[in-house]
Amino acid sequence: APGALHHVIGRGIEGSAIYRTDGDREDFLSRVADLCQNAALIMYAWALLPNHFHLLVRTGGDPLAKSMRKLLTGYVVNFNHRHKRLGHLFQNRYKSIICEDEPYLLELIRYIHLNPLRASLVSNLRDLSRYPWSGHSALMGEVRRQWQDVVGVLARFGKRTKEATQRYEAYVREGIARGRRPELV
């Protein structure tokens, strides 16, 4: 359905890495950017981990299945070519959970963006702010991702960018102590 909010998760087959290099990550994100710039998806949150990814998206005019097929098929073809391999990369089909905007949107943004910290890819919130493979760095103004809806997310935390960024960061910091799973009411 157009306008539906989805938490999308994709995992590597048998727990294998789906990104081996920063070039792999850039390839994946360039495909995400194309989908966002063509209004197929609105991106609120995302995180790339070695063997899986999380996306929090709102569908545009295209069904989610069409966007994901374009993203994942193109990525796997290039990944296999780059790394001289054959066969499947992802475990089954991606998982998509349809979510209600309130109160889930903000909790899922926090949950997704804390994944690199919880997976020990970064050691603290300051490092997470500079981690280029998560949407948190874009919300903190450290990495530019024009295809991510930074303005829309930060608007939920305040009218002025600096104030909104500080409130968002405090919200994320508060989530560190809450455990590994999002607290969905």
Foldseek 3Di string as FASTA:
>chain_A
DAFWKKKKKWFWVVRAFLDDDVVLLVLLLVLVLVCLVVQQWAWAKKFHDGTMIITTIGGHPDDPVVSQCSRVVVSVVVVCVVVVHDDDTIDPDMDIDTDDVPPVVLLVRLLRLCVCCVVVVDPDPVVSLQPPRICNVCLLVNDPDPSHPNVVQLVVQHDDSVRSSVSSSVVSVVCVVVDNDGDDD
